[in-house]
Every structure is written in structure tokens, then in C-alpha cells.
Amino acid sequence: LLLLLPLLPLPPLPFSGVFGAGVAARGAGAGPFRPVVIVHGLFDSPSDFRHLRQFINESHPGTEVTVLDLFDRGASLRPLWLQVAGFRQALAPIMANAAHGVHLLGYSQGGLICRALLATTPEHNVRSFISLAAPQMGQYGADTDYLKWLFPRHMKSNLYRLCYTPLGQGVSICNYWNDPHHRELYLNSSDFLALLNDERLHPNASEWKRNLLRIQRLVLIGGPDDGVITPWQSSLFGFYDANETVRDMEAQPVFLQDTFGLKSLWARGALGGCSVPGVPHTAWHSHRGVYEKCIRPHLT
């Protein structure tokens, strides 16, 4: 593993199906579409998003689409707070040149990076935050090919022994490893997700919540055939309890206690989900149906 690193309020909408399909487009006098900024996921690079760029350019001609080109491929294993700082710096000039704001789309691990970026960026002007197949409540599953390759000697039941150490927290995946059987270790050892969710007290919690709530809408996209995000409902802020029974977002303490603004977004009708079956993890950003139903309506 060490050898890898250098390479490196309206009523709330229901949380299923398509959210916000009826959102109106900007008026004819409102100028060009807002820029779209994309943050890639683990082991990705900008070239992987050519289909999504094409979809956006076809439906919203003239839209400035930027896939931020940093922490590509093996470098995506670097610690997430380091990546957040880099992506924030790259996003700043794009936001500064967008008088009407921008839309931010984060895929897979990139969705967590985007949420952290929004929480830690005062005065950002992101309008829609689209979280595409991202493990927003964490990951607990090591049966996928890439995790078996990264951690060949570990199963999900014992990966906590690595992830919840200072060494493990130097690897991006461990930053959002959420073992429901070792809750206290997670809370005390997670340098990223436990702080981002305000599950562990920290002095910036109120500011981070206020910053996140500047967005006008949060769109969560995922599906039961993802095959990588485990449980797949993590893409919609669901997660396992101690018995590995999936509890939906509305049953999660971070929602009920509104620790970082999730319930506030829900209460004002600015939060919704788009669950699509039949889409494997690597196909979300190249799937025309996902784009048309779940992404396009929010790029206004």
C-alpha cells in the first residue's frame, strides 16, 4: 500500500424516483447556462467524463464544462483533506468568473470531496450540488475488485485495523471507511467523514453547516446495481446499523439531529434523490438515461 501512494418550506419531496424533473429552465433573457464543474472519483481522470461533457453540450449548448484535472488515477488515493484543498484552489477562479453561480457535480469519491469543499468554502456560489453515486455516509464493503486489489490481506470485517490508524487515514478510502461494528473507533479515528458529518465535535461545525446551506439544491443519485458503493443506499445518505440492516436517510442521526444541514435542506424542499436500477458504478457518468432523468433538470 505504501508503494501505491507516491503514484498517486414546501413539503419535502419523496426520496425515490426522480427529484425535481419539473424545474424550470432559465428565461431567455437570463444569459448562458451556468458553468458546470465536475470532480472525478477514485482512479479517474478527466478523459473518463467525455460522454457526460457531450450530454451537457448537446442539451445546454455553450455551457462551460470543466472536469478539474488534479489528483488523477493513483493520486486519488491521497488524503481527502489534501484533495479538498487542491480542488478548492482550482474551483475558486471558475466561481469568481461566474456572476450567476456554478453547478458542481461530484462522482463517487468526488462527491465527498465536493461536500467537504462546499462546507469549508465561505461565500461560494454553487447553485446545484449533484452527488453522483457517492458514498456520502461512508463505505463498508471490501468485496469489489479495486478494494481487493488495494487491500488483498483484509476483509471488510478487519479493515478497520488498518483504516482507523494514522497510517490508514493517509489513504483516501480509509477517510470514509465506516465500520458499523466499531462505531467508537470510527468516531475517534476518522479524520474526514466523522468531522464532515459533525459526528465528532469540532469548532468549525456551525460555519461548515452554514456554508453548505448556501446551495439551492442537493441532488443525490444512486442505485441498487451499483456494485461498488456499499451499501448502495450510502449514495442517498442511508447506511447500516450495528446489525448491518440498512436504515434510510430519515432514520440516520445526522439527519434527525441536522448535524451538518441535511434536514434543513430537506425541510425547505431543496433535497431529493434519484434512484436508478441497472446501472453499474463505472457507468453512471456515461449513462444517457441517468443524465436525462437525474442530472439535466438541475443544470438550469
C-alpha atoms as a PDB file:
ATOM      1  CA  LEU A   1       0.000   0.000   0.000  1.00  0.00           C
ATOM      2  CA  LEU A   2       2.790   2.423   0.812  1.00  0.00           C
ATOM      3  CA  LEU A   3       4.234   1.804  -2.640  1.00  0.00           C
ATOM      4  CA  LEU A   4       0.990   2.985  -4.184  1.00  0.00           C
ATOM      5  CA  LEU A   5       0.884   6.365  -2.501  1.00  0.00           C
ATOM      6  CA  PRO A   6       3.667   8.107  -4.410  1.00  0.00           C
ATOM      7  CA  LEU A   7       1.811   7.192  -7.636  1.00  0.00           C
ATOM      8  CA  LEU A   8      -0.682   8.657  -6.509  1.00  0.00           C
ATOM      9  CA  PRO A   9     -40.872  25.227   3.246  1.00  0.00           C
ATOM     10  CA  LEU A  10     -42.644  23.254   0.571  1.00  0.00           C
ATOM     11  CA  PRO A  11     -43.433  19.669   1.547  1.00  0.00           C
ATOM     12  CA  PRO A  12     -40.235  17.656   1.148  1.00  0.00           C
ATOM     13  CA  LEU A  13     -40.087  15.588  -1.993  1.00  0.00           C
ATOM     14  CA  PRO A  14     -40.188  11.786  -1.702  1.00  0.00           C
ATOM     15  CA  PHE A  15     -36.805  10.121  -1.586  1.00  0.00           C
ATOM     16  CA  SER A  16     -37.210   7.807  -4.556  1.00  0.00           C
ATOM     17  CA  GLY A  17     -37.556   8.072  -8.297  1.00  0.00           C
ATOM     18  CA  VAL A  18     -36.702  11.377  -9.940  1.00  0.00           C
ATOM     19  CA  PHE A  19     -36.318  14.580  -7.970  1.00  0.00           C
ATOM     20  CA  GLY A  20     -37.118  17.943  -9.479  1.00  0.00           C
ATOM     21  CA  ALA A  21     -37.955  16.833 -13.023  1.00  0.00           C
ATOM     22  CA  GLY A  22     -40.200  19.853 -13.330  1.00  0.00           C
ATOM     23  CA  VAL A  23     -37.604  22.515 -12.506  1.00  0.00           C
ATOM     24  CA  ALA A  24     -37.988  25.320 -14.999  1.00  0.00           C
ATOM     25  CA  ALA A  25     -35.170  26.400 -17.275  1.00  0.00           C
ATOM     26  CA  ARG A  26     -33.765  29.892 -17.066  1.00  0.00           C
ATOM     27  CA  GLY A  27     -35.604  32.523 -19.061  1.00  0.00           C
ATOM     28  CA  ALA A  28     -34.470  33.618 -22.497  1.00  0.00           C
ATOM     29  CA  GLY A  29     -33.075  36.826 -21.082  1.00  0.00           C
ATOM     30  CA  ALA A  30     -31.089  35.184 -18.328  1.00  0.00           C
ATOM     31  CA  GLY A  31     -27.968  34.684 -20.410  1.00  0.00           C
ATOM     32  CA  PRO A  32     -25.968  31.498 -20.977  1.00  0.00           C
ATOM     33  CA  PHE A  33     -26.246  28.410 -18.803  1.00  0.00           C
ATOM     34  CA  ARG A  34     -24.242  28.359 -15.631  1.00  0.00           C
ATOM     35  CA  PRO A  35     -20.826  26.670 -15.775  1.00  0.00           C
ATOM     36  CA  VAL A  36     -20.669  23.036 -14.690  1.00  0.00           C
ATOM     37  CA  VAL A  37     -17.681  21.836 -12.675  1.00  0.00           C
ATOM     38  CA  ILE A  38     -17.035  18.108 -12.270  1.00  0.00           C
ATOM     39  CA  VAL A  39     -14.871  16.399  -9.656  1.00  0.00           C
ATOM     40  CA  HIS A  40     -13.848  12.862 -10.588  1.00  0.00           C
ATOM     41  CA  GLY A  41     -13.712   9.769  -8.408  1.00  0.00           C
ATOM     42  CA  LEU A  42     -11.166   7.181  -7.355  1.00  0.00           C
ATOM     43  CA  PHE A  43      -8.671   6.262 -10.110  1.00  0.00           C
ATOM     44  CA  ASP A  44     -10.466   8.506 -12.636  1.00  0.00           C
ATOM     45  CA  SER A  45      -9.234  11.358 -14.809  1.00  0.00           C
ATOM     46  CA  PRO A  46     -10.976  13.997 -16.952  1.00  0.00           C
ATOM     47  CA  SER A  47     -10.912  11.769 -20.038  1.00  0.00           C
ATOM     48  CA  ASP A  48     -13.386   9.415 -18.350  1.00  0.00           C
ATOM     49  CA  PHE A  49     -16.076  12.096 -18.490  1.00  0.00           C
ATOM     50  CA  ARG A  50     -16.203  12.689 -22.240  1.00  0.00           C
ATOM     51  CA  HIS A  51     -19.724  11.249 -22.516  1.00  0.00           C
ATOM     52  CA  LEU A  52     -21.071  13.464 -19.739  1.00  0.00           C
ATOM     53  CA  ARG A  53     -19.462  16.506 -21.320  1.00  0.00           C
ATOM     54  CA  GLN A  54     -21.094  15.568 -24.610  1.00  0.00           C
ATOM     55  CA  PHE A  55     -24.515  15.146 -22.987  1.00  0.00           C
ATOM     56  CA  ILE A  56     -24.277  18.572 -21.368  1.00  0.00           C
ATOM     57  CA  ASN A  57     -23.091  20.284 -24.548  1.00  0.00           C
ATOM     58  CA  GLU A  58     -25.930  18.726 -26.543  1.00  0.00           C
ATOM     59  CA  SER A  59     -28.694  19.694 -24.132  1.00  0.00           C
ATOM     60  CA  HIS A  60     -27.197  23.006 -22.955  1.00  0.00           C
ATOM     61  CA  PRO A  61     -25.201  24.392 -25.895  1.00  0.00           C
ATOM     62  CA  GLY A  62     -22.449  26.781 -24.933  1.00  0.00           C
ATOM     63  CA  THR A  63     -22.177  25.575 -21.343  1.00  0.00           C
ATOM     64  CA  GLU A  64     -18.683  25.811 -19.923  1.00  0.00           C
ATOM     65  CA  VAL A  65     -17.932  22.311 -18.618  1.00  0.00           C
ATOM     66  CA  THR A  66     -14.763  21.784 -16.585  1.00  0.00           C
ATOM     67  CA  VAL A  67     -13.550  18.446 -15.253  1.00  0.00           C
ATOM     68  CA  LEU A  68     -10.931  19.504 -12.740  1.00  0.00           C
ATOM     69  CA  ASP A  69      -7.640  17.877 -13.673  1.00  0.00           C
ATOM     70  CA  LEU A  70      -5.825  17.036 -10.470  1.00  0.00           C
ATOM     71  CA  PHE A  71      -5.392  14.038  -8.184  1.00  0.00           C
ATOM     72  CA  ASP A  72      -5.925  11.761 -11.174  1.00  0.00           C
ATOM     73  CA  ARG A  73      -5.569   7.971 -11.165  1.00  0.00           C
ATOM     74  CA  GLY A  74      -3.249   6.788  -8.364  1.00  0.00           C
ATOM     75  CA  ALA A  75      -3.041  10.273  -6.859  1.00  0.00           C
ATOM     76  CA  SER A  76      -6.729   9.932  -5.959  1.00  0.00           C
ATOM     77  CA  LEU A  77      -5.582   7.780  -3.022  1.00  0.00           C
ATOM     78  CA  ARG A  78      -4.067  10.832  -1.332  1.00  0.00           C
ATOM     79  CA  PRO A  79      -5.772  12.021   1.897  1.00  0.00           C
ATOM     80  CA  LEU A  80      -9.087  13.676   1.189  1.00  0.00           C
ATOM     81  CA  TRP A  81      -8.461  16.919   3.056  1.00  0.00           C
ATOM     82  CA  LEU A  82      -5.378  17.408   0.891  1.00  0.00           C
ATOM     83  CA  GLN A  83      -7.506  16.828  -2.190  1.00  0.00           C
ATOM     84  CA  VAL A  84     -10.221  19.187  -0.929  1.00  0.00           C
ATOM     85  CA  ALA A  85      -7.647  21.977  -0.609  1.00  0.00           C
ATOM     86  CA  GLY A  86      -6.399  21.385  -4.148  1.00  0.00           C
ATOM     87  CA  PHE A  87      -9.844  21.246  -5.716  1.00  0.00           C
ATOM     88  CA  ARG A  88     -10.911  24.361  -3.793  1.00  0.00           C
ATOM     89  CA  GLN A  89      -7.999  26.276  -5.271  1.00  0.00           C
ATOM     90  CA  ALA A  90      -8.879  25.066  -8.774  1.00  0.00           C
ATOM     91  CA  LEU A  91     -12.559  25.924  -8.361  1.00  0.00           C
ATOM     92  CA  ALA A  92     -12.037  29.430  -6.986  1.00  0.00           C
ATOM     93  CA  PRO A  93     -11.293  31.238 -10.295  1.00  0.00           C
ATOM     94  CA  ILE A  94     -14.205  29.487 -12.029  1.00  0.00           C
ATOM     95  CA  MET A  95     -16.610  30.698  -9.348  1.00  0.00           C
ATOM     96  CA  ALA A  96     -15.093  34.173  -9.421  1.00  0.00           C
ATOM     97  CA  ASN A  97     -15.854  34.453 -13.146  1.00  0.00           C
ATOM     98  CA  ALA A  98     -19.430  33.144 -12.836  1.00  0.00           C
ATOM     99  CA  ALA A  99     -21.661  36.024 -11.788  1.00  0.00           C
ATOM    100  CA  HIS A 100     -24.749  33.788 -11.660  1.00  0.00           C
ATOM    101  CA  GLY A 101     -23.053  30.892  -9.910  1.00  0.00           C
ATOM    102  CA  VAL A 102     -21.970  27.424 -10.940  1.00  0.00           C
ATOM    103  CA  HIS A 103     -23.216  23.854 -10.707  1.00  0.00           C
ATOM    104  CA  LEU A 104     -20.978  21.295  -9.003  1.00  0.00           C
ATOM    105  CA  LEU A 105     -21.088  17.559  -9.770  1.00  0.00           C
ATOM    106  CA  GLY A 106     -19.047  15.055  -7.797  1.00  0.00           C
ATOM    107  CA  TYR A 107     -18.796  11.424  -8.872  1.00  0.00           C
ATOM    108  CA  SER A 108     -18.107   8.613  -6.395  1.00  0.00           C
ATOM    109  CA  GLN A 109     -15.295   9.710  -4.054  1.00  0.00           C
ATOM    110  CA  GLY A 110     -15.532  13.101  -5.763  1.00  0.00           C
ATOM    111  CA  GLY A 111     -18.982  13.569  -4.254  1.00  0.00           C
ATOM    112  CA  LEU A 112     -17.490  13.519  -0.762  1.00  0.00           C
ATOM    113  CA  ILE A 113     -14.740  15.889  -1.858  1.00  0.00           C
ATOM    114  CA  CYS A 114     -17.376  18.277  -3.194  1.00  0.00           C
ATOM    115  CA  ARG A 115     -19.394  18.205   0.020  1.00  0.00           C
ATOM    116  CA  ALA A 116     -16.278  18.946   2.047  1.00  0.00           C
ATOM    117  CA  LEU A 117     -15.306  21.679  -0.388  1.00  0.00           C
ATOM    118  CA  LEU A 118     -18.710  23.356  -0.013  1.00  0.00           C
ATOM    119  CA  ALA A 119     -18.626  23.076   3.777  1.00  0.00           C
ATOM    120  CA  THR A 120     -15.202  24.670   4.021  1.00  0.00           C
ATOM    121  CA  THR A 121     -15.613  27.418   1.417  1.00  0.00           C
ATOM    122  CA  PRO A 122     -17.295  30.587   2.723  1.00  0.00           C
ATOM    123  CA  GLU A 123     -19.169  32.690   0.175  1.00  0.00           C
ATOM    124  CA  HIS A 124     -19.131  30.006  -2.538  1.00  0.00           C
ATOM    125  CA  ASN A 125     -21.708  30.451  -5.312  1.00  0.00           C
ATOM    126  CA  VAL A 126     -22.608  26.840  -6.086  1.00  0.00           C
ATOM    127  CA  ARG A 127     -26.277  26.574  -7.029  1.00  0.00           C
ATOM    128  CA  SER A 128     -26.826  22.829  -7.570  1.00  0.00           C
ATOM    129  CA  PHE A 129     -24.648  20.190  -5.950  1.00  0.00           C
ATOM    130  CA  ILE A 130     -25.158  16.878  -7.742  1.00  0.00           C
ATOM    131  CA  SER A 131     -23.777  13.869  -5.881  1.00  0.00           C
ATOM    132  CA  LEU A 132     -23.428  11.056  -8.402  1.00  0.00           C
ATOM    133  CA  ALA A 133     -23.036   7.570  -6.885  1.00  0.00           C
ATOM    134  CA  ALA A 134     -21.021   8.916  -3.953  1.00  0.00           C
ATOM    135  CA  PRO A 135     -20.566   7.151  -0.584  1.00  0.00           C
ATOM    136  CA  GLN A 136     -21.947  10.081   1.374  1.00  0.00           C
ATOM    137  CA  MET A 137     -22.472   8.034   4.535  1.00  0.00           C
ATOM    138  CA  GLY A 138     -19.296   6.062   4.036  1.00  0.00           C
ATOM    139  CA  GLN A 139     -18.258   2.671   2.707  1.00  0.00           C
ATOM    140  CA  TYR A 140     -18.420  -0.720   4.365  1.00  0.00           C
ATOM    141  CA  GLY A 141     -17.644  -3.417   1.833  1.00  0.00           C
ATOM    142  CA  ALA A 142     -14.351  -4.787   0.553  1.00  0.00           C
ATOM    143  CA  ASP A 143     -15.686  -7.296  -1.944  1.00  0.00           C
ATOM    144  CA  THR A 144     -15.197  -5.124  -5.005  1.00  0.00           C
ATOM    145  CA  ASP A 145     -12.258  -5.711  -7.320  1.00  0.00           C
ATOM    146  CA  TYR A 146     -10.454  -2.457  -6.604  1.00  0.00           C
ATOM    147  CA  LEU A 147     -10.682  -2.878  -2.840  1.00  0.00           C
ATOM    148  CA  LYS A 148      -9.421  -6.455  -3.078  1.00  0.00           C
ATOM    149  CA  TRP A 149      -6.507  -5.138  -5.118  1.00  0.00           C
ATOM    150  CA  LEU A 150      -5.736  -2.358  -2.656  1.00  0.00           C
ATOM    151  CA  PHE A 151      -6.203  -4.429   0.483  1.00  0.00           C
ATOM    152  CA  PRO A 152      -5.528  -8.056  -0.508  1.00  0.00           C
ATOM    153  CA  ARG A 153      -4.958  -9.166   3.086  1.00  0.00           C
ATOM    154  CA  HIS A 154      -8.036  -7.529   4.556  1.00  0.00           C
ATOM    155  CA  MET A 155     -11.737  -8.312   4.547  1.00  0.00           C
ATOM    156  CA  LYS A 156     -14.379  -5.770   5.447  1.00  0.00           C
ATOM    157  CA  SER A 157     -14.583  -7.233   8.946  1.00  0.00           C
ATOM    158  CA  ASN A 158     -10.971  -6.416   9.771  1.00  0.00           C
ATOM    159  CA  LEU A 159     -10.107  -3.486   7.508  1.00  0.00           C
ATOM    160  CA  TYR A 160     -10.796  -1.198  10.463  1.00  0.00           C
ATOM    161  CA  ARG A 161      -7.494  -2.395  11.927  1.00  0.00           C
ATOM    162  CA  LEU A 162      -5.722  -0.535   9.135  1.00  0.00           C
ATOM    163  CA  CYS A 163      -8.134   2.279   8.370  1.00  0.00           C
ATOM    164  CA  TYR A 164      -8.531   3.502  11.927  1.00  0.00           C
ATOM    165  CA  THR A 165      -4.833   4.200  12.365  1.00  0.00           C
ATOM    166  CA  PRO A 166      -2.770   7.267  11.447  1.00  0.00           C
ATOM    167  CA  LEU A 167      -1.260   5.268   8.584  1.00  0.00           C
ATOM    168  CA  GLY A 168      -4.654   4.229   7.267  1.00  0.00           C
ATOM    169  CA  GLN A 169      -6.024   7.769   7.458  1.00  0.00           C
ATOM    170  CA  GLY A 170      -3.353   8.702   4.932  1.00  0.00           C
ATOM    171  CA  VAL A 171      -5.314   6.762   2.284  1.00  0.00           C
ATOM    172  CA  SER A 172      -8.467   8.292   0.823  1.00  0.00           C
ATOM    173  CA  ILE A 173     -10.662   5.205   1.085  1.00  0.00           C
ATOM    174  CA  CYS A 174      -9.962   4.903   4.795  1.00  0.00           C
ATOM    175  CA  ASN A 175     -11.100   8.509   5.254  1.00  0.00           C
ATOM    176  CA  TYR A 176     -14.685   7.355   4.653  1.00  0.00           C
ATOM    177  CA  TRP A 177     -14.481   3.750   5.871  1.00  0.00           C
ATOM    178  CA  ASN A 178     -17.469   3.449   8.209  1.00  0.00           C
ATOM    179  CA  ASP A 179     -17.484   0.166  10.118  1.00  0.00           C
ATOM    180  CA  PRO A 180     -20.847  -0.180  11.906  1.00  0.00           C
ATOM    181  CA  HIS A 181     -19.367  -2.767  14.284  1.00  0.00           C
ATOM    182  CA  HIS A 182     -16.638  -0.423  15.535  1.00  0.00           C
ATOM    183  CA  ARG A 183     -18.523   2.807  15.945  1.00  0.00           C
ATOM    184  CA  GLU A 184     -16.372   4.315  18.671  1.00  0.00           C
ATOM    185  CA  LEU A 185     -13.177   3.654  16.731  1.00  0.00           C
ATOM    186  CA  TYR A 186     -14.710   5.331  13.699  1.00  0.00           C
ATOM    187  CA  LEU A 187     -15.783   8.375  15.674  1.00  0.00           C
ATOM    188  CA  ASN A 188     -12.425   8.767  17.359  1.00  0.00           C
ATOM    189  CA  SER A 189     -10.192   7.879  14.399  1.00  0.00           C
ATOM    190  CA  SER A 190     -11.877   9.164  11.255  1.00  0.00           C
ATOM    191  CA  ASP A 191     -10.129  12.386  10.268  1.00  0.00           C
ATOM    192  CA  PHE A 192     -12.567  13.135   7.465  1.00  0.00           C
ATOM    193  CA  LEU A 193     -16.082  11.686   7.398  1.00  0.00           C
ATOM    194  CA  ALA A 194     -16.753  11.853  11.140  1.00  0.00           C
ATOM    195  CA  LEU A 195     -15.787  15.542  11.065  1.00  0.00           C
ATOM    196  CA  LEU A 196     -17.645  16.319   7.836  1.00  0.00           C
ATOM    197  CA  ASN A 197     -20.819  14.755   9.254  1.00  0.00           C
ATOM    198  CA  ASP A 198     -20.269  16.547  12.584  1.00  0.00           C
ATOM    199  CA  GLU A 199     -20.425  13.176  14.313  1.00  0.00           C
ATOM    200  CA  ARG A 200     -17.362  14.215  16.277  1.00  0.00           C
ATOM    201  CA  LEU A 201     -17.499  17.672  17.766  1.00  0.00           C
ATOM    202  CA  HIS A 202     -15.203  20.286  16.280  1.00  0.00           C
ATOM    203  CA  PRO A 203     -15.108  24.092  16.449  1.00  0.00           C
ATOM    204  CA  ASN A 204     -15.926  24.674  12.772  1.00  0.00           C
ATOM    205  CA  ALA A 205     -19.205  22.752  12.729  1.00  0.00           C
ATOM    206  CA  SER A 206     -21.546  25.757  12.684  1.00  0.00           C
ATOM    207  CA  GLU A 207     -19.580  27.516   9.960  1.00  0.00           C
ATOM    208  CA  TRP A 208     -19.387  24.385   7.813  1.00  0.00           C
ATOM    209  CA  LYS A 209     -23.141  23.884   8.107  1.00  0.00           C
ATOM    210  CA  ARG A 210     -23.819  27.497   7.188  1.00  0.00           C
ATOM    211  CA  ASN A 211     -21.535  27.235   4.157  1.00  0.00           C
ATOM    212  CA  LEU A 212     -23.173  24.059   2.871  1.00  0.00           C
ATOM    213  CA  LEU A 213     -26.639  25.584   3.185  1.00  0.00           C
ATOM    214  CA  ARG A 214     -25.698  28.253   0.636  1.00  0.00           C
ATOM    215  CA  ILE A 215     -26.552  25.768  -2.130  1.00  0.00           C
ATOM    216  CA  GLN A 216     -30.024  25.951  -3.661  1.00  0.00           C
ATOM    217  CA  ARG A 217     -30.408  22.208  -4.130  1.00  0.00           C
ATOM    218  CA  LEU A 218     -28.690  18.930  -3.368  1.00  0.00           C
ATOM    219  CA  VAL A 219     -29.376  16.040  -5.735  1.00  0.00           C
ATOM    220  CA  LEU A 220     -28.419  12.524  -4.639  1.00  0.00           C
ATOM    221  CA  ILE A 221     -28.110   9.836  -7.316  1.00  0.00           C
ATOM    222  CA  GLY A 222     -27.522   6.113  -6.821  1.00  0.00           C
ATOM    223  CA  GLY A 223     -28.976   2.697  -7.437  1.00  0.00           C
ATOM    224  CA  PRO A 224     -29.226  -0.920  -6.277  1.00  0.00           C
ATOM    225  CA  ASP A 225     -26.987  -2.343  -9.026  1.00  0.00           C
ATOM    226  CA  ASP A 226     -24.037  -0.029  -8.377  1.00  0.00           C
ATOM    227  CA  GLY A 227     -21.844  -2.899  -7.213  1.00  0.00           C
ATOM    228  CA  VAL A 228     -19.169  -0.714  -5.591  1.00  0.00           C
ATOM    229  CA  ILE A 229     -20.788   1.678  -3.111  1.00  0.00           C
ATOM    230  CA  THR A 230     -21.683  -0.488  -0.112  1.00  0.00           C
ATOM    231  CA  PRO A 231     -24.366  -0.258   0.947  1.00  0.00           C
ATOM    232  CA  TRP A 232     -25.589   1.390  -2.221  1.00  0.00           C
ATOM    233  CA  GLN A 233     -28.004   3.475  -0.139  1.00  0.00           C
ATOM    234  CA  SER A 234     -24.989   5.412   1.141  1.00  0.00           C
ATOM    235  CA  SER A 235     -25.385   7.403  -2.084  1.00  0.00           C
ATOM    236  CA  LEU A 236     -28.728   8.574  -0.653  1.00  0.00           C
ATOM    237  CA  PHE A 237     -27.436   9.035   2.932  1.00  0.00           C
ATOM    238  CA  GLY A 238     -28.678   5.637   4.084  1.00  0.00           C
ATOM    239  CA  PHE A 239     -26.378   3.242   5.923  1.00  0.00           C
ATOM    240  CA  TYR A 240     -26.065   0.104   8.023  1.00  0.00           C
ATOM    241  CA  ASP A 241     -26.946  -0.101  11.671  1.00  0.00           C
ATOM    242  CA  ALA A 242     -24.963  -2.334  14.036  1.00  0.00           C
ATOM    243  CA  ASN A 243     -26.794  -5.383  12.659  1.00  0.00           C
ATOM    244  CA  GLU A 244     -25.961  -4.442   9.047  1.00  0.00           C
ATOM    245  CA  THR A 245     -29.585  -3.576   8.380  1.00  0.00           C
ATOM    246  CA  VAL A 246     -29.795  -0.571   6.082  1.00  0.00           C
ATOM    247  CA  ARG A 247     -31.542   2.423   7.605  1.00  0.00           C
ATOM    248  CA  ASP A 248     -32.715   5.142   5.250  1.00  0.00           C
ATOM    249  CA  MET A 249     -31.611   8.737   5.495  1.00  0.00           C
ATOM    250  CA  GLU A 250     -34.608   9.768   7.593  1.00  0.00           C
ATOM    251  CA  ALA A 251     -33.515   7.331  10.328  1.00  0.00           C
ATOM    252  CA  GLN A 252     -29.898   8.475  10.457  1.00  0.00           C
ATOM    253  CA  PRO A 253     -28.824  10.538  13.489  1.00  0.00           C
ATOM    254  CA  VAL A 254     -27.025  13.020  11.222  1.00  0.00           C
ATOM    255  CA  PHE A 255     -30.406  13.732   9.605  1.00  0.00           C
ATOM    256  CA  LEU A 256     -32.556  13.671  12.732  1.00  0.00           C
ATOM    257  CA  GLN A 257     -30.146  15.973  14.574  1.00  0.00           C
ATOM    258  CA  ASP A 258     -29.445  18.069  11.463  1.00  0.00           C
ATOM    259  CA  THR A 259     -25.762  17.930  12.304  1.00  0.00           C
ATOM    260  CA  PHE A 260     -24.492  19.427   9.034  1.00  0.00           C
ATOM    261  CA  GLY A 261     -27.622  20.755   7.323  1.00  0.00           C
ATOM    262  CA  LEU A 262     -29.183  17.700   5.687  1.00  0.00           C
ATOM    263  CA  LYS A 263     -32.543  18.044   7.414  1.00  0.00           C
ATOM    264  CA  SER A 264     -32.545  21.792   6.786  1.00  0.00           C
ATOM    265  CA  LEU A 265     -32.166  21.180   3.047  1.00  0.00           C
ATOM    266  CA  TRP A 266     -34.928  18.573   3.184  1.00  0.00           C
ATOM    267  CA  ALA A 267     -37.260  20.881   5.106  1.00  0.00           C
ATOM    268  CA  ARG A 268     -37.004  23.634   2.526  1.00  0.00           C
ATOM    269  CA  GLY A 269     -37.587  21.230  -0.384  1.00  0.00           C
ATOM    270  CA  ALA A 270     -34.011  21.541  -1.626  1.00  0.00           C
ATOM    271  CA  LEU A 271     -33.003  17.902  -1.200  1.00  0.00           C
ATOM    272  CA  GLY A 272     -34.006  14.930  -3.262  1.00  0.00           C
ATOM    273  CA  GLY A 273     -32.868  11.602  -4.606  1.00  0.00           C
ATOM    274  CA  CYS A 274     -32.835   9.830  -7.925  1.00  0.00           C
ATOM    275  CA  SER A 275     -32.627   6.041  -7.631  1.00  0.00           C
ATOM    276  CA  VAL A 276     -31.938   4.231 -10.911  1.00  0.00           C
ATOM    277  CA  PRO A 277     -31.688   0.417 -11.183  1.00  0.00           C
ATOM    278  CA  GLY A 278     -29.499  -1.386 -13.674  1.00  0.00           C
ATOM    279  CA  VAL A 279     -26.531   0.980 -13.607  1.00  0.00           C
ATOM    280  CA  PRO A 280     -23.095  -0.357 -12.553  1.00  0.00           C
ATOM    281  CA  HIS A 281     -20.776   2.017 -10.742  1.00  0.00           C
ATOM    282  CA  THR A 282     -18.481   2.815 -13.657  1.00  0.00           C
ATOM    283  CA  ALA A 283     -21.402   3.648 -15.960  1.00  0.00           C
ATOM    284  CA  TRP A 284     -23.107   6.449 -14.033  1.00  0.00           C
ATOM    285  CA  HIS A 285     -21.366   9.278 -15.870  1.00  0.00           C
ATOM    286  CA  SER A 286     -21.838   7.751 -19.337  1.00  0.00           C
ATOM    287  CA  HIS A 287     -25.471   6.657 -19.000  1.00  0.00           C
ATOM    288  CA  ARG A 288     -27.802   8.769 -21.133  1.00  0.00           C
ATOM    289  CA  GLY A 289     -30.895   7.835 -19.110  1.00  0.00           C
ATOM    290  CA  VAL A 290     -29.276   8.872 -15.834  1.00  0.00           C
ATOM    291  CA  TYR A 291     -28.266  12.177 -17.362  1.00  0.00           C
ATOM    292  CA  GLU A 292     -31.709  12.951 -18.782  1.00  0.00           C
ATOM    293  CA  LYS A 293     -33.682  11.977 -15.669  1.00  0.00           C
ATOM    294  CA  CYS A 294     -31.378  12.886 -12.812  1.00  0.00           C
ATOM    295  CA  ILE A 295     -28.818  15.480 -13.928  1.00  0.00           C
ATOM    296  CA  ARG A 296     -30.124  17.576 -16.816  1.00  0.00           C
ATOM    297  CA  PRO A 297     -33.100  19.092 -14.919  1.00  0.00           C
ATOM    298  CA  HIS A 298     -30.716  20.672 -12.406  1.00  0.00           C
ATOM    299  CA  LEU A 299     -28.323  22.367 -14.823  1.00  0.00           C
ATOM    300  CA  THR A 300     -30.522  25.432 -15.248  1.00  0.00           C
END
